[in-house]
Structures are given as structure tokens and as C-alpha cells.
Amino acid sequence: MTRPAFPEPLDHLPLRGRGDAVALVLKDRVLDFAELENWTGRLAAWLSARASAEGWGKGARVASWAGKGLLTCLMPLAAPRAGLVHVPINPVLKAAQVRHILSDSGARLMIANTGRLAALDEDDVPDACAVIDEKLAAEQAQGCDPIRPSAADTDALAAILYTSGSTGKPKGVMLSHANMWLGAESVAEYLGISPDDRVLAVLPLAFDYGQNQMLSTWYGGGAVVPIDYLLPREVVKAVEKHRITTLAAVPPLWVQLLEQDWPEAAVAPLLRLTNTGGALGEALVRRLRAQFPDARLFAMYGLTEAFRSAYLDPALIDSHPTSFGKAVPHVEIMVVNDEGQPAGPGEEGELVHAGPFVAQGYWQDPARTQQRFRPAPEWSEYGGTAVWSGDRVVRDGQGLLYFVGRRDAMIKVLGQRVSPQEIEDAAAATGLVAECVALGLPDERLGQSVHLIARAAAGGDPEPTEALVSALRRELPAYMVPQAVHWRSELPRGATGKLDRALLKRGLEDAR
């Protein structure tokens, strides 16, 4: 397996773009690559001066908690240039989650906007953590002389990204300069990002792929257009206004976007669509291909602990709509069966990821680090530490990968292991359901019973239980057909826009 060339420090990314080419399109200003580099240097100088004055020391953590403005876009580059570690906090998180992240990371500074700071109580911010409004920080940074790109060790810690915390308190994933640089290089390469591209940054910058979208675009010399939106139609308007060529979303957002009216002026510029945060399923793939027939659709798989793992060549999406393809550049993917051996074609196993994207573990959590970050199987070409994902997958005779489900989310009915994804895909294929989640609840007779929580497709019966169950009985074995269907007008979403399965399951358990 070809190993990647030695990466550069992360903060060198602005130097890759043509100086006068547009790099960042904000609400109040547009920066070319020369200005992006200049502003990165100024913010790094301000951070460095503050660290020196307050005695933080190299590797101190600095957090940002605000919408997609100038500083939140620059902090991933400026903090590492100053020898510090960036901790992005999703702006939709509430005080309790922010308090945990600040305390757990030991952040010495948090840059936020005035409204968010006003929502915090005094005990929400640790005594050792200073806070500053983003506008004041920008004013102070603007008066600094920019410092030059760093000569940082590329194995040094550059960022801590906190997971959504759907299964407990958020965990901080430690990412080095090399992790993030090579991730940007890999994605820019397989997407084919060029200086002509305009990428709409819809996903949160505290989400691994949300941040990588920005970094990979700059690696390829393209322009990033960040957007904070309240309604899906705002995304459509932004695509049309900025003539966006690349749009990324998670499956629940794709569902919402497909419910909007898309004028031809918004559809025509799109060259590529990229999916993350869960499997699309065949029904959603078909709808996306119908709405955007000329855009290349990239189905992808990744996890915060190792960023991107695999993608499907868009030329195969129509013939293999449920696959997420093969390993991305710089990555080795293994499928390990329950005996610890390589799984054969069609045999289910755990996805194990090796290579230079593997993170440095969970911040200050050696126990959970040892559970997820373990030695690669002896037959691994990369070797070293691998991420054992917990996700169950199969690989076909062509080497294409298919998602089965998370080990801890599988439903056990009458001794049979049931994939929630298979039930959800079948429900979506009926056309009666816009989006849904399949869950297992304890059942004395069955072991677990299948429950489906769903939002009905627009324009039809808001609770088509009988028609849905009848259709599923024709497509699924009896033990996979839901015992109950629970209809909702809206399904809750987590901080990254994915459906909140844990919250939905708690709601069903509390109602029993």
C-alpha cells in the first residue's frame, strides 16, 4: 500500500491557493487567499501574544462557540499556527454541553458571540477559562502584525473535536496536523476540487466533515461559502445565489431539501453532492438522482475517530445505490468477522480502519481510547493502531462495502439479528414515509420488538399505518415487520443534523 507523502503543518493550507482567487465568502466580506493568509497570521499573533501574557504554555486549548463568521472559519488554522489546540463547539449546543466541553478540554479561552455568552451562568465557565466576544477578538487581532506559517511537528495535536454525545457525554477526539492535512488532501483528490469550485459549508464546523469541507476546498484552491440556516429553503437560495458547485448534507437534511422547490438556476451549477452521517438508502439515492441528474453523487462513510474511510465512485451509484464503496486515498479498510479473521465476500464483520487518518485517541479518556483504538489485525498492510468502528458491514465480490448497522443498535428478534437500516430503507421505499427510525424495545415473548418512528411523506395520509405495514409485510420477513408504528410531525435532530435515535428511544421507553 502506497503511504502518503509527509504532510505540511495545517496552517500552511492558505498558501496553496492563488493569492487573488476567492477563498472565503462571508456575509460581510470576501477574502482572497492572500487575505486569508494575512488574517490567519493576525489571529495567530493575537492568540500567541495572549498565551504568552497569561502563561498558557504550548498546546493550550482555545475554544470557539459561534456561527460561521470570520473567526470560527479562521480558528482551525490560526490556533495551530500559534502552537495552540483548537476546540470548536457546535453553536446549537446548550450551556450544560458547553460547560462539559470547556471543563473536559481545560480550555483557557473561549471566543463566542454576545448572545451565547449571555446565555451562560457564571458556573458554566471554569475559572481558568477566559471568554471574549468574537467582534472584540477580531478588532484586537486586526491590529496585530501577522506571524509567518509555523514549522510545527505534524504529529502535534492541532484540534479536539467533540462527538455529539448521543450515547453519553461528548468525547473529545484528538486530531494532529497530519490527520487534518491528509484528510483535506484525500477528499480534495477524490472529489476533484479545483479553483473553479464554490463549496457551500452547510454542516457545522465542529463536525469532522463540516470542518474538512472547508480545509479540503482550500487545499484544492476553491472558495468556501459558509451558511447558518434556519429553514431548508435558505440552503436552496444560497446555492442559487452563489452558484454553488458542491453541496454536502446528512440524510435527514437531504430529505428536507428534496421537499423544497428547486429552480433550474439552483440545480444547474451543482457538479457534486456528498453525503455523510449515515447511509442514504436506495429510495433517497433515486430521489437525489432524479432531482439532480447532472450532479455526481458521492456516498461516503466516515467516523470522527478516523475521519473519512470510504466513498463510492459516483459512476456506480445508480447500479449500487446502497454501497458506500471502497477506501478513500491513504486508508486501509478491513472487514473482521466474529472469529477475528478477514470476512469473505458477503460475510458480515466489523469495519476496522487503519492508516494516517487514525486519531490520537480520546482526550483524557484512556479507558475508552483502549476500547476503540486497538492494534490493527496482523494481516493489515498499514499496521499500527486502528479504529475498531463497531459498525457491521459486508463486502461484495467486487470489493464494495455495504452498511449493515451498528453493533450496539442491532435489534434481536426471536434470536435473529435485525438491521435497523434494512427496515428503514424498506419503509422509505414504500413512498409513504419521509424519514424514519427503527428501534428495538424489550419484549418478553420476542426478546425485542421492532418499533418504527416515522414522519409521513408530504401530501398523503399523515398516519398511513395499515398501508405501510401491508407494504412491509410484502418486502420483509415477518420478524422484521414493525410491531408498532409511531407517527410524528417532526423527528428530533442532534447537533450535527442527524436524527436523534437515543432521544427517540428514551421517549418510547418513558411512554411504556
Protein backbone atom coordinates (compact mmCIF):
# COMPACT_ATOMS: atom_id res chain seq x y z
CA MET A 1 0.00 0.00 0.00
CA THR A 2 1.39 3.40 -1.00
CA ARG A 3 1.95 5.61 2.00
CA PRO A 4 1.19 9.34 1.67
CA ALA A 5 3.87 11.96 1.32
CA PHE A 6 4.86 13.66 4.56
CA PRO A 7 2.26 16.38 5.20
CA GLU A 8 2.84 20.03 6.00
CA PRO A 9 1.62 21.82 9.14
CA LEU A 10 -2.10 22.50 8.89
CA ASP A 11 -1.75 26.29 8.88
CA HIS A 12 0.11 26.16 5.55
CA LEU A 13 -3.17 25.49 3.71
CA PRO A 14 -3.85 29.14 2.71
CA LEU A 15 -0.54 29.18 0.85
CA ARG A 16 -1.84 26.59 -1.63
CA GLY A 17 -4.41 28.89 -3.26
CA ARG A 18 -3.74 31.55 -5.87
CA GLY A 19 -3.36 34.80 -3.94
CA ASP A 20 -6.07 36.81 -5.70
CA ALA A 21 -8.55 33.92 -6.02
CA VAL A 22 -11.60 33.97 -3.74
CA ALA A 23 -11.13 31.74 -0.69
CA LEU A 24 -13.92 32.67 1.75
CA VAL A 25 -17.31 34.31 1.15
CA LEU A 26 -18.85 35.66 4.37
CA LYS A 27 -21.95 37.78 4.92
CA ASP A 28 -19.94 40.94 5.48
CA ARG A 29 -16.76 40.39 3.46
CA VAL A 30 -14.98 38.29 0.84
CA LEU A 31 -11.39 37.12 1.39
CA ASP A 32 -8.99 36.00 -1.31
CA PHE A 33 -6.19 33.57 -0.44
CA ALA A 34 -3.70 36.36 0.29
CA GLU A 35 -6.17 37.92 2.73
CA LEU A 36 -6.96 34.52 4.22
CA GLU A 37 -3.26 34.01 4.91
CA ASN A 38 -2.92 37.54 6.31
CA TRP A 39 -5.89 37.15 8.63
CA THR A 40 -4.70 33.71 9.78
CA GLY A 41 -1.36 35.28 10.70
CA ARG A 42 -3.01 38.18 12.55
CA LEU A 43 -5.32 35.95 14.58
CA ALA A 44 -2.43 33.60 15.35
CA ALA A 45 -0.34 36.56 16.50
CA TRP A 46 -3.13 37.73 18.80
CA LEU A 47 -3.57 34.24 20.26
CA SER A 48 0.19 33.83 20.68
CA ALA A 49 0.51 37.17 22.48
CA ARG A 50 -2.34 36.32 24.80
CA ALA A 51 -0.90 32.88 25.54
CA SER A 52 2.47 34.43 26.35
CA ALA A 53 0.99 37.15 28.56
CA GLU A 54 -1.13 34.71 30.54
CA GLY A 55 1.39 31.87 30.66
CA TRP A 56 -0.75 29.22 28.97
CA GLY A 57 2.08 27.19 27.52
CA LYS A 58 2.37 25.31 24.24
CA GLY A 59 -0.63 23.13 23.39
CA ALA A 60 -3.13 25.11 25.47
CA ARG A 61 -6.72 24.68 24.31
CA VAL A 62 -8.75 27.57 22.89
CA ALA A 63 -12.43 27.17 22.06
CA SER A 64 -14.81 28.87 19.65
CA TRP A 65 -18.60 28.90 20.08
CA ALA A 66 -20.33 30.96 17.43
CA GLY A 67 -21.89 30.84 14.00
CA LYS A 68 -19.85 30.67 10.80
CA GLY A 69 -18.16 34.04 10.90
CA LEU A 70 -14.61 35.21 10.25
CA LEU A 71 -13.05 33.89 13.46
CA THR A 72 -14.77 30.50 13.55
CA CYS A 73 -13.56 29.87 9.99
CA LEU A 74 -10.00 31.01 10.77
CA MET A 75 -9.51 29.35 14.16
CA PRO A 76 -8.75 25.84 12.76
CA LEU A 77 -5.67 27.38 11.07
CA ALA A 78 -4.75 30.21 13.44
CA ALA A 79 -4.74 28.24 16.71
CA PRO A 80 -2.25 25.60 15.45
CA ARG A 81 -0.07 28.35 13.96
CA ALA A 82 0.11 29.88 17.44
CA GLY A 83 1.09 26.50 18.94
CA LEU A 84 -2.36 26.05 20.49
CA VAL A 85 -5.11 23.45 20.11
CA HIS A 86 -8.49 24.45 18.71
CA VAL A 87 -11.71 23.17 20.33
CA PRO A 88 -14.70 24.05 18.11
CA ILE A 89 -18.06 23.94 19.89
CA ASN A 90 -21.21 23.45 17.87
CA PRO A 91 -23.26 26.67 18.14
CA VAL A 92 -26.50 24.72 18.71
CA LEU A 93 -25.22 23.16 21.95
CA LYS A 94 -26.67 24.33 25.24
CA ALA A 95 -25.00 25.52 28.42
CA ALA A 96 -24.62 22.06 30.03
CA GLN A 97 -22.83 20.64 26.99
CA VAL A 98 -20.63 23.73 26.64
CA ARG A 99 -19.76 23.51 30.33
CA HIS A 100 -18.68 19.88 29.91
CA ILE A 101 -16.53 20.61 26.84
CA LEU A 102 -14.79 23.60 28.43
CA SER A 103 -14.13 21.69 31.64
CA ASP A 104 -13.07 18.44 29.96
CA SER A 105 -10.74 20.14 27.46
CA GLY A 106 -9.26 22.52 30.02
CA ALA A 107 -9.80 25.42 27.60
CA ARG A 108 -8.05 28.65 28.59
CA LEU A 109 -10.09 30.87 26.29
CA MET A 110 -13.46 30.76 24.58
CA ILE A 111 -14.36 33.08 21.72
CA ALA A 112 -18.14 33.39 21.33
CA ASN A 113 -20.77 35.89 20.31
CA THR A 114 -22.51 38.14 22.81
CA GLY A 115 -25.84 36.31 22.68
CA ARG A 116 -24.33 32.95 23.51
CA LEU A 117 -22.19 34.38 26.29
CA ALA A 118 -25.29 35.96 27.81
CA ALA A 119 -26.95 32.53 27.94
CA LEU A 120 -24.25 31.15 30.25
CA ASP A 121 -24.31 31.31 34.03
CA GLU A 122 -21.19 32.11 35.98
CA ASP A 123 -20.61 28.45 36.89
CA ASP A 124 -20.89 27.33 33.26
CA VAL A 125 -17.39 28.62 32.52
CA PRO A 126 -14.43 27.20 34.50
CA ASP A 127 -12.42 29.76 36.46
CA ALA A 128 -9.33 29.10 34.33
CA CYS A 129 -11.19 29.84 31.08
CA ALA A 130 -11.47 33.46 29.89
CA VAL A 131 -14.23 34.48 27.48
CA ILE A 132 -14.28 37.17 24.83
CA ASP A 133 -16.82 38.36 22.29
CA GLU A 134 -15.85 37.43 18.72
CA LYS A 135 -16.19 41.02 17.44
CA LEU A 136 -13.80 42.34 20.10
CA ALA A 137 -11.37 39.49 19.40
CA ALA A 138 -11.43 40.33 15.68
CA GLU A 139 -10.79 44.02 16.37
CA GLN A 140 -7.82 43.18 18.57
CA ALA A 141 -6.44 40.67 16.09
CA GLN A 142 -6.71 43.15 13.22
CA GLY A 143 -4.22 45.41 14.98
CA CYS A 144 -1.56 42.65 15.22
CA ASP A 145 1.28 42.06 12.81
CA PRO A 146 0.75 38.64 11.21
CA ILE A 147 3.12 35.85 12.15
CA ARG A 148 4.54 33.55 9.49
CA PRO A 149 3.41 29.96 8.88
CA SER A 150 4.57 27.57 11.57
CA ALA A 151 7.20 24.86 11.47
CA ALA A 152 5.08 22.67 13.74
CA ASP A 153 5.64 18.94 14.17
CA THR A 154 2.87 17.47 12.03
CA ASP A 155 2.23 14.82 14.68
CA ALA A 156 1.47 17.56 17.21
CA LEU A 157 -2.09 17.98 18.41
CA ALA A 158 -3.99 20.59 16.35
CA ALA A 159 -7.62 20.17 17.38
CA ILE A 160 -10.00 18.34 19.68
CA LEU A 161 -13.38 17.62 18.09
CA TYR A 162 -16.13 16.57 20.46
CA THR A 163 -18.60 13.93 19.35
CA SER A 164 -22.30 14.67 19.56
CA GLY A 165 -22.73 12.81 22.84
CA SER A 166 -25.79 10.82 21.70
CA THR A 167 -24.62 7.87 23.81
CA GLY A 168 -23.34 9.84 26.80
CA LYS A 169 -21.24 12.92 27.42
CA PRO A 170 -19.37 14.18 24.36
CA LYS A 171 -15.91 12.63 23.87
CA GLY A 172 -13.01 14.73 22.63
CA VAL A 173 -11.27 13.19 19.61
CA MET A 174 -7.62 14.31 19.32
CA LEU A 175 -6.51 15.24 15.79
CA SER A 176 -2.98 16.10 14.69
CA HIS A 177 -1.80 18.43 11.93
CA ALA A 178 -1.15 15.32 9.81
CA ASN A 179 -4.62 13.87 10.42
CA MET A 180 -6.30 17.03 9.21
CA TRP A 181 -3.87 17.88 6.39
CA LEU A 182 -4.02 14.41 4.86
CA GLY A 183 -7.81 14.36 5.29
CA ALA A 184 -8.03 17.60 3.32
CA GLU A 185 -5.70 16.23 0.64
CA SER A 186 -7.59 12.94 0.32
CA VAL A 187 -11.06 14.47 -0.01
CA ALA A 188 -9.87 17.20 -2.41
CA GLU A 189 -8.31 14.46 -4.55
CA TYR A 190 -11.26 12.08 -4.85
CA LEU A 191 -13.85 14.84 -5.18
CA GLY A 192 -11.70 16.63 -7.75
CA ILE A 193 -11.91 20.04 -6.05
CA SER A 194 -10.42 22.81 -8.23
CA PRO A 195 -10.03 26.61 -8.09
CA ASP A 196 -13.30 26.90 -10.04
CA ASP A 197 -15.33 25.31 -7.24
CA ARG A 198 -17.61 27.11 -4.81
CA VAL A 199 -18.47 24.89 -1.83
CA LEU A 200 -21.44 25.66 0.40
CA ALA A 201 -20.45 24.92 4.01
CA VAL A 202 -23.80 23.84 5.48
CA LEU A 203 -22.58 21.33 8.06
CA PRO A 204 -21.36 22.54 11.49
CA LEU A 205 -17.65 23.39 11.62
CA ALA A 206 -17.43 21.40 14.87
CA PHE A 207 -18.41 18.28 12.87
CA ASP A 208 -15.45 16.43 11.32
CA TYR A 209 -16.69 16.57 7.74
CA GLY A 210 -18.06 20.09 8.20
CA GLN A 211 -14.57 21.30 9.07
CA ASN A 212 -12.92 19.17 6.41
CA GLN A 213 -15.17 20.65 3.72
CA MET A 214 -13.54 23.99 4.39
CA LEU A 215 -9.99 22.62 4.58
CA SER A 216 -10.28 20.34 1.53
CA THR A 217 -11.73 23.19 -0.52
CA TRP A 218 -8.77 25.40 0.35
CA TYR A 219 -6.40 22.52 -0.39
CA GLY A 220 -7.90 22.37 -3.88
CA GLY A 221 -7.82 26.17 -4.28
CA GLY A 222 -11.63 26.62 -4.24
CA ALA A 223 -13.92 29.07 -2.45
CA VAL A 224 -15.88 28.29 0.73
CA VAL A 225 -19.30 29.86 1.30
CA PRO A 226 -20.32 29.22 4.95
CA ILE A 227 -24.02 29.37 5.82
CA ASP A 228 -26.00 29.21 9.05
CA TYR A 229 -29.61 28.46 8.16
CA LEU A 230 -32.91 28.09 9.99
CA LEU A 231 -35.02 26.70 7.14
CA PRO A 232 -34.02 24.32 4.32
CA ARG A 233 -35.23 26.77 1.68
CA GLU A 234 -32.41 29.11 2.75
CA VAL A 235 -29.95 26.48 1.55
CA VAL A 236 -31.64 26.38 -1.86
CA LYS A 237 -31.47 30.18 -2.11
CA ALA A 238 -27.76 30.17 -1.19
CA VAL A 239 -26.99 27.52 -3.82
CA GLU A 240 -28.65 29.68 -6.46
CA LYS A 241 -27.20 32.99 -5.27
CA HIS A 242 -23.58 31.81 -5.09
CA ARG A 243 -23.76 29.34 -8.00
CA ILE A 244 -22.57 26.56 -5.70
CA THR A 245 -20.81 23.60 -7.33
CA THR A 246 -20.54 21.33 -4.26
CA LEU A 247 -23.13 20.62 -1.58
CA ALA A 248 -22.80 18.25 1.39
CA ALA A 249 -25.51 17.12 3.80
CA VAL A 250 -26.57 14.35 6.15
CA PRO A 251 -29.54 12.13 5.13
CA PRO A 252 -32.21 13.97 7.21
CA LEU A 253 -31.20 17.26 5.60
CA TRP A 254 -31.31 15.71 2.12
CA VAL A 255 -34.90 14.65 2.88
CA GLN A 256 -35.79 18.23 3.83
CA LEU A 257 -34.00 19.69 0.80
CA LEU A 258 -35.87 17.37 -1.56
CA GLU A 259 -39.14 18.71 -0.14
CA GLN A 260 -38.23 22.21 -1.40
CA ASP A 261 -38.81 23.75 -4.81
CA TRP A 262 -35.53 23.79 -6.72
CA PRO A 263 -35.39 26.34 -9.55
CA GLU A 264 -33.25 25.41 -12.53
CA ALA A 265 -30.85 28.24 -11.62
CA ALA A 266 -30.08 26.40 -8.36
CA VAL A 267 -29.83 22.93 -9.90
CA ALA A 268 -27.67 23.80 -12.91
CA PRO A 269 -24.41 24.86 -11.16
CA LEU A 270 -24.23 21.77 -8.91
CA LEU A 271 -21.46 19.44 -10.02
CA ARG A 272 -21.29 17.17 -6.98
CA LEU A 273 -23.32 16.16 -3.94
CA THR A 274 -21.62 14.49 -0.98
CA ASN A 275 -23.32 12.54 1.80
CA THR A 276 -22.10 11.83 5.32
CA GLY A 277 -23.53 10.98 8.73
CA GLY A 278 -25.44 7.85 7.75
CA ALA A 279 -26.46 5.66 4.83
CA LEU A 280 -28.61 7.24 2.13
CA GLY A 281 -30.65 4.16 1.27
CA GLU A 282 -31.84 3.31 -2.23
CA ALA A 283 -35.05 5.37 -2.11
CA LEU A 284 -33.20 8.56 -1.19
CA VAL A 285 -30.49 7.89 -3.78
CA ARG A 286 -33.12 7.56 -6.51
CA ARG A 287 -34.78 10.81 -5.47
CA LEU A 288 -31.48 12.71 -5.41
CA ARG A 289 -30.52 11.38 -8.81
CA ALA A 290 -33.90 12.43 -10.21
CA GLN A 291 -33.69 15.94 -8.77
CA PHE A 292 -30.00 16.48 -9.64
CA PRO A 293 -29.36 14.25 -12.67
CA ASP A 294 -26.18 16.03 -13.78
CA ALA A 295 -24.51 16.20 -10.34
CA ARG A 296 -22.15 13.43 -9.27
CA LEU A 297 -23.42 11.85 -6.04
CA PHE A 298 -20.74 10.69 -3.59
CA ALA A 299 -21.97 8.23 -0.95
CA MET A 300 -19.40 8.19 1.84
CA TYR A 301 -18.66 6.59 5.19
CA GLY A 302 -16.63 8.06 8.00
CA LEU A 303 -16.29 8.40 11.74
CA THR A 304 -14.81 11.21 13.82
CA GLU A 305 -12.11 8.88 15.19
CA ALA A 306 -10.68 8.36 11.70
CA PHE A 307 -12.43 10.98 9.57
CA ARG A 308 -13.22 9.56 6.08
CA SER A 309 -12.98 5.83 5.46
CA ALA A 310 -14.67 5.05 2.16
CA TYR A 311 -16.57 6.52 -0.78
CA LEU A 312 -18.43 5.12 -3.78
CA ASP A 313 -17.34 6.13 -7.26
CA PRO A 314 -20.32 8.21 -8.49
CA ALA A 315 -20.31 6.19 -11.72
CA LEU A 316 -21.55 3.24 -9.64
CA ILE A 317 -24.27 4.99 -7.62
CA ASP A 318 -27.11 4.03 -9.98
CA SER A 319 -26.14 0.34 -10.13
CA HIS A 320 -25.06 0.05 -6.46
CA PRO A 321 -27.23 2.61 -4.61
CA THR A 322 -26.80 1.05 -1.16
CA SER A 323 -22.99 0.76 -1.22
CA PHE A 324 -20.53 3.23 0.28
CA GLY A 325 -17.75 1.99 -1.95
CA LYS A 326 -14.11 1.40 -1.18
CA ALA A 327 -11.36 3.01 0.90
CA VAL A 328 -10.50 6.65 0.23
CA PRO A 329 -6.87 7.60 -0.55
CA HIS A 330 -4.43 6.92 2.34
CA VAL A 331 -6.83 4.48 4.08
CA GLU A 332 -6.96 0.72 4.59
CA ILE A 333 -10.36 -0.81 5.35
CA MET A 334 -10.64 -4.32 6.77
CA VAL A 335 -13.78 -6.32 7.49
CA VAL A 336 -13.14 -8.56 10.51
CA ASN A 337 -15.53 -11.45 11.24
CA ASP A 338 -16.52 -12.64 14.72
CA GLU A 339 -13.56 -15.05 14.79
CA GLY A 340 -11.12 -12.21 14.23
CA GLN A 341 -10.36 -13.26 10.65
CA PRO A 342 -10.83 -11.45 7.32
CA ALA A 343 -14.50 -11.71 6.37
CA GLY A 344 -15.16 -13.26 2.97
CA PRO A 345 -17.42 -11.75 0.29
CA GLY A 346 -20.95 -11.42 1.64
CA GLU A 347 -19.84 -12.29 5.19
CA GLU A 348 -20.74 -9.74 7.87
CA GLY A 349 -17.98 -8.29 10.05
CA GLU A 350 -16.75 -5.20 11.86
CA LEU A 351 -15.26 -2.35 9.84
CA VAL A 352 -11.69 -1.69 11.00
CA HIS A 353 -9.87 1.40 9.71
CA ALA A 354 -6.06 1.74 9.58
CA GLY A 355 -3.74 4.41 8.20
CA PRO A 356 -2.72 8.01 8.85
CA PHE A 357 -6.26 9.33 9.43
CA VAL A 358 -6.48 7.43 12.73
CA ALA A 359 -6.81 9.98 15.52
CA GLN A 360 -4.64 10.08 18.63
CA GLY A 361 -7.44 8.80 20.87
CA TYR A 362 -9.94 10.41 23.21
CA TRP A 363 -8.78 13.39 25.23
CA GLN A 364 -8.07 12.40 28.86
CA ASP A 365 -10.01 9.14 28.48
CA PRO A 366 -7.59 6.19 28.29
CA ALA A 367 -10.28 3.59 29.07
CA ARG A 368 -12.49 4.47 26.11
CA THR A 369 -9.41 5.04 23.94
CA GLN A 370 -8.32 1.43 24.58
CA GLN A 371 -11.78 0.18 23.62
CA ARG A 372 -11.90 1.91 20.23
CA PHE A 373 -8.20 2.39 19.29
CA ARG A 374 -6.58 -1.05 19.21
CA PRO A 375 -3.77 -2.74 17.27
CA ALA A 376 -4.63 -3.44 13.66
CA PRO A 377 -5.13 -7.11 12.69
CA GLU A 378 -1.88 -8.92 11.92
CA TRP A 379 -2.69 -9.05 8.20
CA SER A 380 -3.07 -5.24 7.98
CA GLU A 381 -0.81 -3.56 5.40
CA TYR A 382 -0.59 -0.31 7.37
CA GLY A 383 -0.42 -1.95 10.79
CA GLY A 384 -0.09 0.16 13.92
CA THR A 385 -3.16 1.44 15.74
CA ALA A 386 -6.52 1.02 14.04
CA VAL A 387 -10.01 2.25 14.80
CA TRP A 388 -12.40 -0.60 15.51
CA SER A 389 -15.60 1.14 14.46
CA GLY A 390 -18.28 -1.09 15.98
CA ASP A 391 -20.11 -0.84 12.65
CA ARG A 392 -21.22 -4.06 10.96
CA VAL A 393 -20.62 -4.15 7.20
CA VAL A 394 -20.30 -6.63 4.33
CA ARG A 395 -18.05 -6.52 1.28
CA ASP A 396 -19.24 -7.94 -2.04
CA GLY A 397 -17.25 -9.80 -4.68
CA GLN A 398 -16.21 -6.51 -6.30
CA GLY A 399 -14.82 -5.19 -3.02
CA LEU A 400 -17.69 -2.72 -2.50
CA LEU A 401 -18.80 -2.13 1.10
CA TYR A 402 -22.36 -2.11 2.43
CA PHE A 403 -23.53 -0.88 5.84
CA VAL A 404 -25.49 -3.34 7.98
CA GLY A 405 -25.76 -1.46 11.28
CA ARG A 406 -24.02 -0.53 14.47
CA ARG A 407 -23.29 -3.47 16.74
CA ASP A 408 -24.97 -1.68 19.66
CA ALA A 409 -28.02 -0.69 17.55
CA MET A 410 -28.87 -4.12 16.13
CA ILE A 411 -32.31 -5.45 17.13
CA LYS A 412 -32.56 -9.06 18.38
CA VAL A 413 -35.93 -10.65 17.50
CA LEU A 414 -36.52 -14.34 18.27
CA GLY A 415 -32.77 -14.85 18.20
CA GLN A 416 -32.41 -13.17 14.79
CA ARG A 417 -30.22 -10.08 14.44
CA VAL A 418 -32.10 -7.36 12.60
CA SER A 419 -30.53 -4.32 10.96
CA PRO A 420 -32.48 -1.09 11.63
CA GLN A 421 -31.12 0.24 8.33
CA GLU A 422 -32.81 -2.55 6.36
CA ILE A 423 -36.20 -1.79 7.92
CA GLU A 424 -35.78 1.95 7.42
CA ASP A 425 -34.80 1.50 3.77
CA ALA A 426 -37.82 -0.71 3.16
CA ALA A 427 -40.14 1.83 4.78
CA ALA A 428 -38.69 4.69 2.72
CA ALA A 429 -39.07 2.64 -0.47
CA THR A 430 -42.87 2.49 0.03
CA GLY A 431 -43.15 6.22 -0.66
CA LEU A 432 -45.36 6.57 2.43
CA VAL A 433 -42.56 7.69 4.73
CA ALA A 434 -40.39 10.80 4.50
CA GLU A 435 -37.95 9.66 7.21
CA CYS A 436 -37.97 7.11 9.99
CA VAL A 437 -36.04 5.33 12.73
CA ALA A 438 -36.36 1.64 13.62
CA LEU A 439 -35.71 0.71 17.25
CA GLY A 440 -35.86 -2.40 19.41
CA LEU A 441 -37.67 -2.42 22.76
CA PRO A 442 -37.65 -5.26 25.33
CA ASP A 443 -40.35 -7.87 24.74
CA GLU A 444 -40.93 -10.95 26.92
CA ARG A 445 -42.03 -13.13 24.00
CA LEU A 446 -39.76 -11.88 21.21
CA GLY A 447 -36.68 -10.72 23.13
CA GLN A 448 -37.07 -7.37 21.41
CA SER A 449 -39.92 -5.98 19.34
CA VAL A 450 -39.43 -3.67 16.38
CA HIS A 451 -40.87 -0.16 16.69
CA LEU A 452 -40.81 2.34 13.83
CA ILE A 453 -40.97 6.08 14.48
CA ALA A 454 -41.82 7.89 11.27
CA ARG A 455 -42.78 11.15 9.59
CA ALA A 456 -45.23 10.63 6.75
CA ALA A 457 -44.45 11.73 3.21
CA ALA A 458 -45.84 15.15 2.34
CA GLY A 459 -49.21 15.34 0.63
CA GLY A 460 -50.51 11.96 1.78
CA ASP A 461 -52.14 10.33 4.79
CA PRO A 462 -50.37 11.69 7.90
CA GLU A 463 -50.62 8.28 9.63
CA PRO A 464 -50.75 5.54 6.94
CA THR A 465 -50.11 2.68 9.36
CA GLU A 466 -52.20 0.00 7.65
CA ALA A 467 -50.81 0.72 4.17
CA LEU A 468 -47.23 0.86 5.46
CA VAL A 469 -47.41 -2.38 7.43
CA SER A 470 -49.06 -4.15 4.49
CA ALA A 471 -46.31 -2.98 2.16
CA LEU A 472 -43.58 -4.04 4.61
CA ARG A 473 -45.11 -7.49 5.00
CA ARG A 474 -44.67 -7.97 1.27
CA GLU A 475 -40.99 -6.98 1.41
CA LEU A 476 -39.65 -8.18 4.76
CA PRO A 477 -39.60 -11.40 6.77
CA ALA A 478 -42.32 -11.47 9.43
CA TYR A 479 -39.88 -10.99 12.31
CA MET A 480 -38.64 -7.70 10.78
CA VAL A 481 -42.07 -6.10 10.32
CA PRO A 482 -42.62 -3.41 13.00
CA GLN A 483 -44.87 -4.38 15.88
CA ALA A 484 -45.88 -0.73 16.19
CA VAL A 485 -45.59 2.45 14.12
CA HIS A 486 -45.43 5.80 15.90
CA TRP A 487 -46.13 8.85 13.72
CA ARG A 488 -44.58 12.24 14.38
CA SER A 489 -44.94 15.56 12.58
CA GLU A 490 -41.21 16.15 13.13
CA LEU A 491 -38.31 13.95 14.22
CA PRO A 492 -35.68 15.42 16.57
CA ARG A 493 -32.19 16.06 15.27
CA GLY A 494 -28.89 16.16 17.10
CA ALA A 495 -26.20 18.81 16.89
CA THR A 496 -24.91 17.59 13.52
CA GLY A 497 -28.35 17.30 11.92
CA LYS A 498 -28.63 13.52 12.22
CA LEU A 499 -31.81 12.01 13.66
CA ASP A 500 -31.51 11.67 17.43
CA ARG A 501 -32.08 7.93 17.91
CA ALA A 502 -31.22 7.97 21.61
CA LEU A 503 -33.81 10.66 22.36
CA LEU A 504 -36.46 8.86 20.32
CA LYS A 505 -35.78 5.59 22.11
CA ARG A 506 -35.95 7.25 25.54
CA GLY A 507 -39.30 8.74 24.57
CA LEU A 508 -40.72 5.33 23.68
CA GLU A 509 -39.37 3.73 26.85
CA ASP A 510 -40.79 6.51 29.02
CA ALA A 511 -44.22 6.12 27.37
CA ARG A 512 -44.45 2.39 28.12
